Amino acid sequence: MKHRALVDRNPLFAALGTLLLAAPALAALPEYTFLLQARTNMVGNGSGAYNLEPGALLSGSYTLPITKDRRVGFTLAITPEGSPSLWYGVEGKGERIYTLPSTDPDVRMGDPSLDSRGNVVFAVTGASVDTTENGIYLLNVDDPKQVRVIREPLGASYWSSLVLNEAQQFAARARVGNGNAYALYTPREGRYEATLLAKDRTLDAASPYTYLYSPNLNDLGQLVAAVDLQSYTTEWFQELRVWNPDGTSHLIAESRGRDSSSSIYRFASVQPALNNQGQVAFLASLRDASGKQSTALFLWDGAELKTLAQDGQGDIKELELFPPDINDQGLVVFRAFRADGLRAVWVSDGASLKPVVTEHDLLPSDLGSARVDQETPSNPVFGGAPMINDRGDISFCAGLAPPKDDQEEWGSAIYVAQSSFVPPGESDGGVEPDAGSGNPAPSEPGSPSGCGCQAAASAALWPWALLGLLRLARSRRAQSQ
């Protein structure tokens, strides 16, 4: 299904769209093999844990960022020491690399975000005993004890939806006083300069926005998010926009309260996803003439708005309200129930979709073959939001049990579903299977804490090359006028 969407007619974005949408098309959806990264478990469970101590547990809702070279990070909300920790690993190895040095019972560590240089950012909030503990924490896995804390903009006390890109920028929704703003942090001469791309009306009376939802960021410093423009009545008055680093923005889609021809009743409050081609994946609610609501997953492909999946349509029974993710090849990963009622993690290329892993599937683990299952059928077998990198690899978390006994808990396991795709111009620096564990062995020995400096090549530099092409296009346009 295709829908009408609005885009800015600014020639700057027309040029950017022309340049960025020249991404290689994929011939088919990838095939996947599964690599166990870590397994959490309660203290006292005989099955123990993997790459973790028993008693180190994930939070209730989380994201699992994965870089192009398959580095994975996540936050442990509960640890044997009591303080939250950061876990980091690659190719089946990993460990806790940083534990928050705080005794404050209210302090919280947010989800991390990673780049391929080994940089990690996460927000620390809720500290009341010592409020100076609150802030955006930036570290590198080569020396994780060296932590930089950023508390910009002035007056900020809370940061959420923190995302780091390959240009070493990061963005967040920042609470400033009683209001909120979208803040973009850019490295400049040894410091981070915070630019407020949008503010809500509490922070700026002249703002058109009454509420700012969770944002996301791409490698070009562009931020995507849904916003409210006025209070709900019988309709939602919302827009989905992309902001540029200079504060200008363009409209992607809007709710039917703003445009009666729109099929969108309301945008989901979870993060939309934005790639470097300008494509946007997002969840939204629809409402038919009888008032019945359903959820749909949309893709703005740069020219039109498409429906990738919808409740009750085709192989999808019901979409789950977790953020989708999209890579530069246009592959979208999301969570949804299959038509038979089983939960699954899915991938779509915009034309077709398929489940990557489904409830009751058998996966390799450190304990041998393991079943994706829970002891109570109504409990979700997947946790948090899956994410996808530019290879098409997908990170996800699943509850495990022995193949023939779903009443025995093997804890929650973080996996990388390794794609069969190899990025153009790259050899598969992958891994050979380890017959003993069912896991691939690492392609290089040693700790996951190495910076992997070779990863700072094309993935980090190509956005700047595109910006250079954009400047050239603008220059030529100016000369022709």
Protein backbone atom coordinates (compact mmCIF):
# COMPACT_ATOMS: atom_id res chain seq x y z
CA MET A 1 0.00 0.00 0.00
CA LYS A 2 1.27 3.50 -0.85
CA HIS A 3 0.38 6.71 0.92
CA ARG A 4 0.72 10.40 0.26
CA ALA A 5 3.57 12.06 2.13
CA LEU A 6 4.96 15.58 2.19
CA VAL A 7 8.58 16.54 1.60
CA ASP A 8 10.41 19.82 1.69
CA ARG A 9 11.04 21.29 -1.77
CA ASN A 10 14.24 22.98 -0.67
CA PRO A 11 16.81 22.28 -3.46
CA LEU A 12 19.36 21.41 -0.80
CA PHE A 13 17.32 18.35 0.13
CA ALA A 14 16.55 17.53 -3.47
CA ALA A 15 20.29 17.34 -4.13
CA LEU A 16 20.91 15.36 -0.96
CA GLY A 17 18.14 12.90 -1.84
CA THR A 18 19.52 12.41 -5.35
CA LEU A 19 22.97 11.65 -4.00
CA LEU A 20 21.97 9.48 -1.07
CA LEU A 21 19.29 7.39 -2.73
CA ALA A 22 21.87 5.86 -5.06
CA ALA A 23 22.43 3.00 -2.59
CA PRO A 24 22.89 -0.49 -4.04
CA ALA A 25 19.68 -2.50 -4.23
CA LEU A 26 19.59 -5.92 -2.63
CA ALA A 27 18.53 -8.89 -4.73
CA ALA A 28 16.93 -10.86 -1.89
CA LEU A 29 16.61 -11.05 1.85
CA PRO A 30 19.70 -12.46 3.61
CA GLU A 31 20.00 -15.87 5.20
CA TYR A 32 21.09 -15.98 8.83
CA THR A 33 23.31 -18.00 11.16
CA PHE A 34 23.26 -17.35 14.90
CA LEU A 35 26.07 -16.34 17.24
CA LEU A 36 25.61 -16.22 21.03
CA GLN A 37 27.17 -13.09 22.55
CA ALA A 38 26.08 -13.38 26.18
CA ARG A 39 23.52 -15.07 28.39
CA THR A 40 22.13 -13.62 31.61
CA ASN A 41 20.64 -15.71 34.41
CA MET A 42 19.41 -15.48 37.97
CA VAL A 43 21.70 -16.47 40.82
CA GLY A 44 21.00 -20.06 41.80
CA ASN A 45 19.86 -21.32 38.39
CA GLY A 46 21.93 -24.39 37.60
CA SER A 47 22.34 -23.43 33.95
CA GLY A 48 24.56 -20.50 34.94
CA ALA A 49 25.39 -17.59 32.62
CA TYR A 50 27.68 -17.01 29.63
CA ASN A 51 30.20 -14.16 29.32
CA LEU A 52 28.55 -12.78 32.47
CA GLU A 53 28.25 -13.53 36.15
CA PRO A 54 24.92 -14.94 37.38
CA GLY A 55 22.84 -12.13 38.86
CA ALA A 56 23.74 -9.58 36.16
CA LEU A 57 20.41 -8.79 34.51
CA LEU A 58 19.01 -6.59 31.77
CA SER A 59 16.48 -3.82 32.32
CA GLY A 60 12.82 -4.24 31.42
CA SER A 61 13.11 -2.44 28.08
CA TYR A 62 16.28 -1.87 26.11
CA THR A 63 17.99 -1.60 22.76
CA LEU A 64 20.90 -3.74 21.52
CA PRO A 65 23.11 -1.56 19.31
CA ILE A 66 25.32 -3.36 16.80
CA THR A 67 28.06 -1.78 14.68
CA LYS A 68 29.05 -2.65 11.13
CA ASP A 69 31.85 -4.87 12.48
CA ARG A 70 29.41 -6.70 14.79
CA ARG A 71 30.34 -5.03 18.09
CA VAL A 72 27.46 -5.23 20.56
CA GLY A 73 26.79 -3.35 23.77
CA PHE A 74 24.04 -3.28 26.37
CA THR A 75 23.28 -2.06 29.88
CA LEU A 76 22.88 -4.36 32.86
CA ALA A 77 20.42 -2.71 35.23
CA ILE A 78 21.16 -5.19 38.04
CA THR A 79 24.63 -6.50 38.90
CA PRO A 80 26.13 -8.48 41.79
CA GLU A 81 27.67 -5.22 43.05
CA GLY A 82 24.35 -3.40 42.85
CA SER A 83 25.40 -0.65 40.42
CA PRO A 84 24.46 -0.74 36.73
CA SER A 85 27.13 -1.82 34.24
CA LEU A 86 28.04 -1.59 30.58
CA TRP A 87 28.69 -4.85 28.68
CA TYR A 88 30.64 -4.83 25.42
CA GLY A 89 31.71 -7.61 23.07
CA VAL A 90 32.26 -8.91 19.55
CA GLU A 91 32.28 -12.30 17.78
CA GLY A 92 31.14 -14.38 20.74
CA LYS A 93 33.42 -12.78 23.35
CA GLY A 94 32.64 -9.97 25.75
CA GLU A 95 32.63 -8.68 29.28
CA ARG A 96 31.49 -5.91 31.56
CA ILE A 97 33.84 -3.03 30.86
CA TYR A 98 32.40 -0.28 33.06
CA THR A 99 30.41 -0.25 36.30
CA LEU A 100 28.90 3.02 37.47
CA PRO A 101 30.76 4.04 40.67
CA SER A 102 27.65 5.11 42.55
CA THR A 103 25.85 3.98 45.70
CA ASP A 104 22.76 6.05 44.91
CA PRO A 105 19.81 3.60 44.78
CA ASP A 106 17.93 5.84 42.32
CA VAL A 107 20.68 6.24 39.73
CA ARG A 108 19.99 4.79 36.28
CA MET A 109 22.23 4.00 33.31
CA GLY A 110 20.50 4.38 29.95
CA ASP A 111 20.98 2.27 26.85
CA PRO A 112 24.42 2.64 25.27
CA SER A 113 25.09 3.68 21.69
CA LEU A 114 28.24 2.58 19.85
CA ASP A 115 30.42 3.47 16.89
CA SER A 116 32.99 1.36 15.06
CA ARG A 117 35.91 3.25 16.66
CA GLY A 118 35.09 1.77 20.08
CA ASN A 119 33.37 4.90 21.38
CA VAL A 120 30.38 4.40 23.64
CA VAL A 121 27.89 6.93 25.02
CA PHE A 122 25.13 6.44 27.57
CA ALA A 123 23.11 8.70 29.86
CA VAL A 124 23.15 8.55 33.65
CA THR A 125 20.05 9.99 35.31
CA GLY A 126 18.10 9.90 38.56
CA ALA A 127 21.04 10.54 40.90
CA SER A 128 19.75 12.52 43.87
CA VAL A 129 22.49 12.00 46.47
CA ASP A 130 25.07 13.57 44.15
CA THR A 131 23.40 15.20 41.14
CA THR A 132 26.79 15.73 39.46
CA GLU A 133 26.67 12.03 38.61
CA ASN A 134 23.92 12.81 36.08
CA GLY A 135 25.02 13.48 32.52
CA ILE A 136 26.03 11.97 29.20
CA TYR A 137 28.97 9.59 29.70
CA LEU A 138 31.45 9.13 26.85
CA LEU A 139 34.22 6.52 26.90
CA ASN A 140 36.34 4.39 24.58
CA VAL A 141 36.67 0.65 25.10
CA ASP A 142 40.47 0.86 24.82
CA ASP A 143 40.52 2.64 28.19
CA PRO A 144 37.00 2.54 29.67
CA LYS A 145 38.13 4.02 32.98
CA GLN A 146 38.71 7.34 31.22
CA VAL A 147 35.17 8.73 31.20
CA ARG A 148 34.08 12.14 30.01
CA VAL A 149 30.80 13.50 31.42
CA ILE A 150 28.84 16.07 29.40
CA ARG A 151 25.97 18.01 30.98
CA GLU A 152 25.03 20.30 28.12
CA PRO A 153 22.92 22.20 27.34
CA LEU A 154 22.99 24.57 30.30
CA GLY A 155 20.21 23.68 32.71
CA ALA A 156 19.75 20.12 31.39
CA SER A 157 18.93 17.48 34.02
CA TYR A 158 17.82 14.43 32.02
CA TRP A 159 18.76 12.85 28.69
CA SER A 160 16.95 10.07 26.82
CA SER A 161 17.03 8.32 23.42
CA LEU A 162 20.79 8.92 23.18
CA VAL A 163 22.29 7.94 19.79
CA LEU A 164 25.93 8.08 18.63
CA ASN A 165 26.83 8.17 14.93
CA GLU A 166 29.98 7.34 12.94
CA ALA A 167 30.90 11.04 12.69
CA GLN A 168 31.32 11.05 16.51
CA GLN A 169 28.22 13.19 16.94
CA PHE A 170 25.43 12.18 19.27
CA ALA A 171 21.89 13.37 19.86
CA ALA A 172 19.35 13.10 22.64
CA ARG A 173 16.09 14.44 23.92
CA ALA A 174 17.22 16.69 26.76
CA ARG A 175 15.08 17.99 29.59
CA VAL A 176 15.96 21.61 30.22
CA GLY A 177 14.09 23.11 33.15
CA ASN A 178 10.49 21.93 32.70
CA GLY A 179 10.75 21.65 28.91
CA ASN A 180 12.39 19.37 26.37
CA ALA A 181 14.62 19.88 23.35
CA TYR A 182 16.33 17.83 20.67
CA ALA A 183 20.05 18.37 21.21
CA LEU A 184 22.78 17.52 18.70
CA TYR A 185 26.31 17.27 20.13
CA THR A 186 29.18 17.88 17.70
CA PRO A 187 32.90 17.63 18.54
CA ARG A 188 34.65 20.98 18.11
CA GLU A 189 38.21 21.73 19.22
CA GLY A 190 38.30 19.26 22.09
CA ARG A 191 34.78 19.90 23.37
CA TYR A 192 31.21 19.04 22.41
CA GLU A 193 29.03 21.82 21.11
CA ALA A 194 25.32 21.32 21.82
CA THR A 195 22.88 22.63 19.22
CA LEU A 196 19.17 22.64 20.03
CA LEU A 197 17.42 21.59 16.82
CA ALA A 198 13.89 21.84 18.21
CA LYS A 199 12.26 22.89 21.50
CA ASP A 200 8.83 22.27 22.93
CA ARG A 201 6.47 25.10 23.81
CA THR A 202 7.27 24.85 27.53
CA LEU A 203 10.88 25.73 26.73
CA ASP A 204 10.14 28.21 23.95
CA ALA A 205 6.71 29.89 23.79
CA ALA A 206 7.20 30.52 20.06
CA SER A 207 7.73 26.81 19.29
CA PRO A 208 5.07 25.04 17.18
CA TYR A 209 5.62 21.80 19.16
CA THR A 210 3.70 20.89 22.30
CA TYR A 211 5.50 17.56 22.77
CA LEU A 212 8.69 15.96 21.43
CA TYR A 213 8.83 12.16 21.10
CA SER A 214 11.94 9.94 21.09
CA PRO A 215 14.40 10.96 18.32
CA ASN A 216 16.93 9.02 16.27
CA LEU A 217 20.09 10.06 14.41
CA ASN A 218 21.98 9.09 11.23
CA ASP A 219 25.65 9.53 10.30
CA LEU A 220 24.97 12.85 8.54
CA GLY A 221 23.86 14.48 11.77
CA GLN A 222 20.19 14.38 10.73
CA LEU A 223 17.62 13.71 13.44
CA VAL A 224 14.17 12.15 12.95
CA ALA A 225 11.25 12.29 15.38
CA ALA A 226 7.49 12.66 15.74
CA VAL A 227 6.06 15.76 17.42
CA ASP A 228 2.69 16.99 18.67
CA LEU A 229 1.54 20.38 17.40
CA GLN A 230 -1.47 20.71 19.70
CA SER A 231 -3.30 18.75 22.35
CA TYR A 232 -5.32 15.68 21.46
CA THR A 233 -9.06 16.19 21.01
CA THR A 234 -10.80 13.61 18.83
CA GLU A 235 -7.73 13.54 16.60
CA TRP A 236 -3.96 13.65 17.00
CA PHE A 237 -2.17 16.62 15.46
CA GLN A 238 1.27 15.25 14.73
CA GLU A 239 4.14 15.42 12.28
CA LEU A 240 7.13 13.23 11.54
CA ARG A 241 10.12 15.41 10.63
CA VAL A 242 13.81 15.18 9.82
CA TRP A 243 15.99 17.96 11.21
CA ASN A 244 19.37 18.89 9.73
CA PRO A 245 22.42 19.95 11.74
CA ASP A 246 21.72 23.62 10.93
CA GLY A 247 18.23 23.41 12.47
CA THR A 248 16.24 23.38 9.22
CA SER A 249 13.82 20.50 8.80
CA HIS A 250 11.55 18.80 6.29
CA LEU A 251 8.27 16.98 6.71
CA ILE A 252 8.02 13.22 6.10
CA ALA A 253 4.41 12.48 7.10
CA GLU A 254 1.60 13.81 9.26
CA SER A 255 -1.44 12.49 11.06
CA ARG A 256 -4.95 12.84 9.68
CA GLY A 257 -5.67 15.56 12.24
CA ARG A 258 -3.26 17.69 10.22
CA ASP A 259 -4.09 16.25 6.80
CA SER A 260 -7.46 14.61 6.23
CA SER A 261 -6.04 12.56 3.33
CA SER A 262 -3.49 10.85 5.62
CA SER A 263 -4.19 7.28 6.75
CA ILE A 264 -2.17 7.81 9.96
CA TYR A 265 -4.24 8.31 13.09
CA ARG A 266 -1.27 8.59 15.47
CA PHE A 267 2.49 8.05 15.38
CA ALA A 268 3.82 5.49 17.86
CA SER A 269 5.76 6.99 20.75
CA VAL A 270 8.79 4.75 20.09
CA GLN A 271 11.80 5.93 18.06
CA PRO A 272 11.53 6.00 14.28
CA ALA A 273 14.62 4.88 12.33
CA LEU A 274 16.60 6.96 9.81
CA ASN A 275 19.39 5.75 7.53
CA ASN A 276 22.00 7.68 5.57
CA GLN A 277 19.93 7.45 2.39
CA GLY A 278 17.15 9.53 3.97
CA GLN A 279 14.84 6.52 4.35
CA VAL A 280 12.65 6.43 7.46
CA ALA A 281 10.95 3.43 9.10
CA PHE A 282 8.31 4.06 11.76
CA LEU A 283 5.28 2.62 13.51
CA ALA A 284 1.89 4.34 13.52
CA SER A 285 -1.73 3.65 14.43
CA LEU A 286 -4.52 3.53 11.89
CA ARG A 287 -8.24 3.88 12.65
CA ASP A 288 -11.00 2.77 10.31
CA ALA A 289 -14.49 4.23 9.93
CA SER A 290 -15.83 2.03 12.74
CA GLY A 291 -13.14 3.30 15.13
CA LYS A 292 -11.14 0.06 15.13
CA GLN A 293 -7.42 0.69 15.53
CA SER A 294 -4.48 -1.24 14.11
CA THR A 295 -0.73 -0.70 13.94
CA ALA A 296 1.28 -0.43 10.75
CA LEU A 297 4.99 -0.30 9.96
CA PHE A 298 5.74 2.35 7.33
CA LEU A 299 8.75 3.06 5.16
CA TRP A 300 9.42 6.47 3.61
CA ASP A 301 11.78 5.51 0.76
CA GLY A 302 12.60 9.04 -0.38
CA ALA A 303 9.78 9.20 -2.93
CA GLU A 304 6.71 7.63 -1.37
CA LEU A 305 5.32 6.19 1.82
CA LYS A 306 4.84 2.41 1.82
CA THR A 307 3.26 -0.01 4.27
CA LEU A 308 5.71 -2.81 5.12
CA ALA A 309 3.51 -4.64 7.62
CA GLN A 310 0.14 -4.19 9.29
CA ASP A 311 -1.86 -5.95 12.00
CA GLY A 312 -3.94 -8.73 10.51
CA GLN A 313 -2.40 -8.48 7.04
CA GLY A 314 -0.61 -11.39 5.35
CA ASP A 315 1.88 -13.15 7.62
CA ILE A 316 1.54 -10.56 10.41
CA LYS A 317 -1.00 -11.00 13.20
CA GLU A 318 0.10 -8.06 15.36
CA LEU A 319 3.05 -5.67 15.44
CA GLU A 320 4.78 -5.16 18.77
CA LEU A 321 5.47 -1.58 19.85
CA PHE A 322 9.26 -1.69 19.88
CA PRO A 323 11.36 0.66 17.73
CA PRO A 324 12.11 -0.62 14.22
CA ASP A 325 15.61 -0.20 12.80
CA ILE A 326 16.85 0.35 9.22
CA ASN A 327 20.25 0.06 7.55
CA ASP A 328 21.68 1.85 4.51
CA GLN A 329 20.55 -0.93 2.17
CA GLY A 330 16.95 -0.31 3.26
CA LEU A 331 16.58 -3.50 5.32
CA VAL A 332 14.17 -2.98 8.22
CA VAL A 333 14.07 -5.11 11.37
CA PHE A 334 11.08 -5.20 13.72
CA ARG A 335 9.13 -7.35 16.19
CA ALA A 336 5.69 -8.84 15.47
CA PHE A 337 3.48 -11.86 16.05
CA ARG A 338 3.22 -14.26 13.13
CA ALA A 339 -0.21 -15.16 11.77
CA ASP A 340 -0.11 -18.34 13.90
CA GLY A 341 0.33 -16.26 17.08
CA LEU A 342 4.03 -16.94 17.67
CA ARG A 343 6.33 -14.00 18.37
CA ALA A 344 9.15 -13.33 15.88
CA VAL A 345 11.88 -10.91 14.86
CA TRP A 346 11.37 -9.95 11.21
CA VAL A 347 13.35 -8.38 8.38
CA SER A 348 11.93 -6.60 5.32
CA ASP A 349 13.52 -5.09 2.22
CA GLY A 350 10.47 -2.98 1.36
CA ALA A 351 9.11 -5.56 -1.08
CA SER A 352 8.98 -8.73 1.02
CA LEU A 353 9.49 -9.79 4.62
CA LYS A 354 10.37 -12.91 6.59
CA PRO A 355 10.96 -13.98 10.19
CA VAL A 356 14.61 -14.10 11.22
CA VAL A 357 13.94 -16.00 14.45
CA THR A 358 10.64 -17.25 15.87
CA GLU A 359 9.36 -18.46 19.21
CA HIS A 360 10.20 -22.19 19.69
CA ASP A 361 13.12 -22.06 17.22
CA LEU A 362 16.26 -23.98 18.19
CA LEU A 363 19.45 -21.90 18.44
CA PRO A 364 23.06 -22.80 19.23
CA SER A 365 24.19 -21.90 22.75
CA ASP A 366 26.96 -22.58 25.25
CA LEU A 367 24.70 -25.29 26.69
CA GLY A 368 24.11 -26.94 23.32
CA SER A 369 20.93 -26.62 21.32
CA ALA A 370 18.50 -24.24 23.07
CA ARG A 371 14.87 -23.44 22.46
CA VAL A 372 13.50 -19.89 22.25
CA ASP A 373 10.88 -20.24 24.96
CA GLN A 374 9.49 -19.11 28.31
CA GLU A 375 8.14 -21.14 31.21
CA THR A 376 4.85 -19.21 30.98
CA PRO A 377 3.40 -19.12 27.43
CA SER A 378 2.06 -15.57 27.85
CA ASN A 379 5.51 -14.18 28.73
CA PRO A 380 7.37 -12.57 25.81
CA VAL A 381 10.18 -14.75 24.49
CA PHE A 382 12.02 -11.73 23.03
CA GLY A 383 13.24 -8.72 24.95
CA GLY A 384 13.88 -5.13 23.91
CA ALA A 385 14.33 -3.80 20.41
CA PRO A 386 16.36 -5.70 17.78
CA MET A 387 18.79 -3.65 15.70
CA ILE A 388 20.48 -4.06 12.31
CA ASN A 389 23.87 -3.02 10.93
CA ASP A 390 24.90 -2.27 7.34
CA ARG A 391 25.88 -5.88 6.70
CA GLY A 392 22.33 -6.91 7.58
CA ASP A 393 23.41 -8.54 10.88
CA ILE A 394 20.70 -8.32 13.55
CA SER A 395 21.10 -8.19 17.33
CA PHE A 396 18.28 -9.53 19.48
CA CYS A 397 17.56 -10.97 22.93
CA ALA A 398 15.62 -14.19 23.48
CA GLY A 399 14.62 -16.29 26.48
CA LEU A 400 16.10 -19.80 26.35
CA ALA A 401 15.09 -23.22 27.67
CA PRO A 402 16.19 -26.79 27.03
CA PRO A 403 14.71 -28.16 23.78
CA LYS A 404 12.29 -30.49 25.60
CA ASP A 405 11.56 -28.69 28.88
CA ASP A 406 10.22 -25.14 28.81
CA GLN A 407 9.91 -25.19 32.62
CA GLU A 408 13.68 -25.01 33.06
CA GLU A 409 15.04 -21.49 32.60
CA TRP A 410 18.31 -20.94 30.78
CA GLY A 411 18.02 -17.17 31.12
CA SER A 412 18.00 -14.43 28.50
CA ALA A 413 20.50 -14.60 25.65
CA ILE A 414 21.86 -11.87 23.41
CA TYR A 415 22.48 -13.09 19.86
CA VAL A 416 23.80 -11.74 16.61
CA ALA A 417 21.97 -13.13 13.60
CA GLN A 418 24.81 -13.02 11.08
CA SER A 419 23.76 -12.04 7.59
CA SER A 420 24.84 -13.92 4.47
CA PHE A 421 25.37 -10.54 2.75
CA VAL A 422 28.88 -9.15 2.37
CA PRO A 423 29.07 -5.37 1.87
CA PRO A 424 30.33 -4.34 -1.61
CA GLY A 425 34.10 -4.01 -1.75
CA GLU A 426 34.66 -6.00 1.43
CA SER A 427 35.77 -9.57 1.98
CA ASP A 428 33.90 -11.56 4.59
CA GLY A 429 36.19 -11.20 7.58
CA GLY A 430 33.83 -13.59 9.26
CA VAL A 431 34.24 -16.61 11.35
CA GLU A 432 34.50 -20.35 11.17
CA PRO A 433 32.10 -22.47 13.22
CA ASP A 434 33.33 -23.88 16.50
CA ALA A 435 31.94 -27.41 16.57
CA GLY A 436 32.34 -27.66 20.33
CA SER A 437 30.10 -24.79 21.37
CA GLY A 438 27.90 -24.22 18.35
CA ASN A 439 29.30 -20.68 18.28
CA PRO A 440 31.66 -19.27 15.67
CA ALA A 441 35.18 -18.73 16.95
CA PRO A 442 36.46 -15.14 16.90
CA SER A 443 38.33 -14.09 13.76
CA GLU A 444 41.02 -12.55 15.95
CA PRO A 445 42.15 -13.66 19.41
CA GLY A 446 42.13 -11.48 22.48
CA SER A 447 39.83 -9.19 24.41
CA PRO A 448 36.88 -7.42 22.78
CA SER A 449 38.20 -4.18 24.17
CA GLY A 450 40.53 -3.47 21.24
CA CYS A 451 39.67 -0.31 19.33
CA GLY A 452 39.73 -2.04 15.94
CA CYS A 453 41.23 1.07 14.38
CA GLN A 454 40.83 -0.38 10.90
CA ALA A 455 37.08 0.11 11.39
CA ALA A 456 37.53 3.88 11.15
CA ALA A 457 37.90 3.70 7.38
CA SER A 458 34.98 3.79 4.95
CA ALA A 459 32.16 3.58 7.50
CA ALA A 460 33.37 6.74 9.21
CA LEU A 461 34.51 8.74 6.18
CA TRP A 462 31.87 8.19 3.51
CA PRO A 463 29.29 10.58 5.07
CA TRP A 464 31.79 13.42 4.71
CA ALA A 465 32.45 12.44 1.09
CA LEU A 466 28.72 12.68 0.45
CA LEU A 467 28.60 16.10 2.06
CA GLY A 468 31.44 17.15 -0.21
CA LEU A 469 29.45 15.98 -3.23
CA LEU A 470 26.46 17.89 -1.93
CA ARG A 471 28.50 21.10 -1.67
CA LEU A 472 29.76 20.53 -5.21
CA ALA A 473 26.19 20.09 -6.45
CA ARG A 474 25.12 23.30 -4.74
CA SER A 475 28.09 25.17 -6.17
CA ARG A 476 27.28 24.04 -9.70
CA ARG A 477 23.64 25.01 -9.23
CA ALA A 478 24.66 28.49 -8.07
CA GLN A 479 26.95 28.93 -11.08
CA SER A 480 24.16 27.99 -13.46
CA GLN A 481 21.75 30.59 -12.04
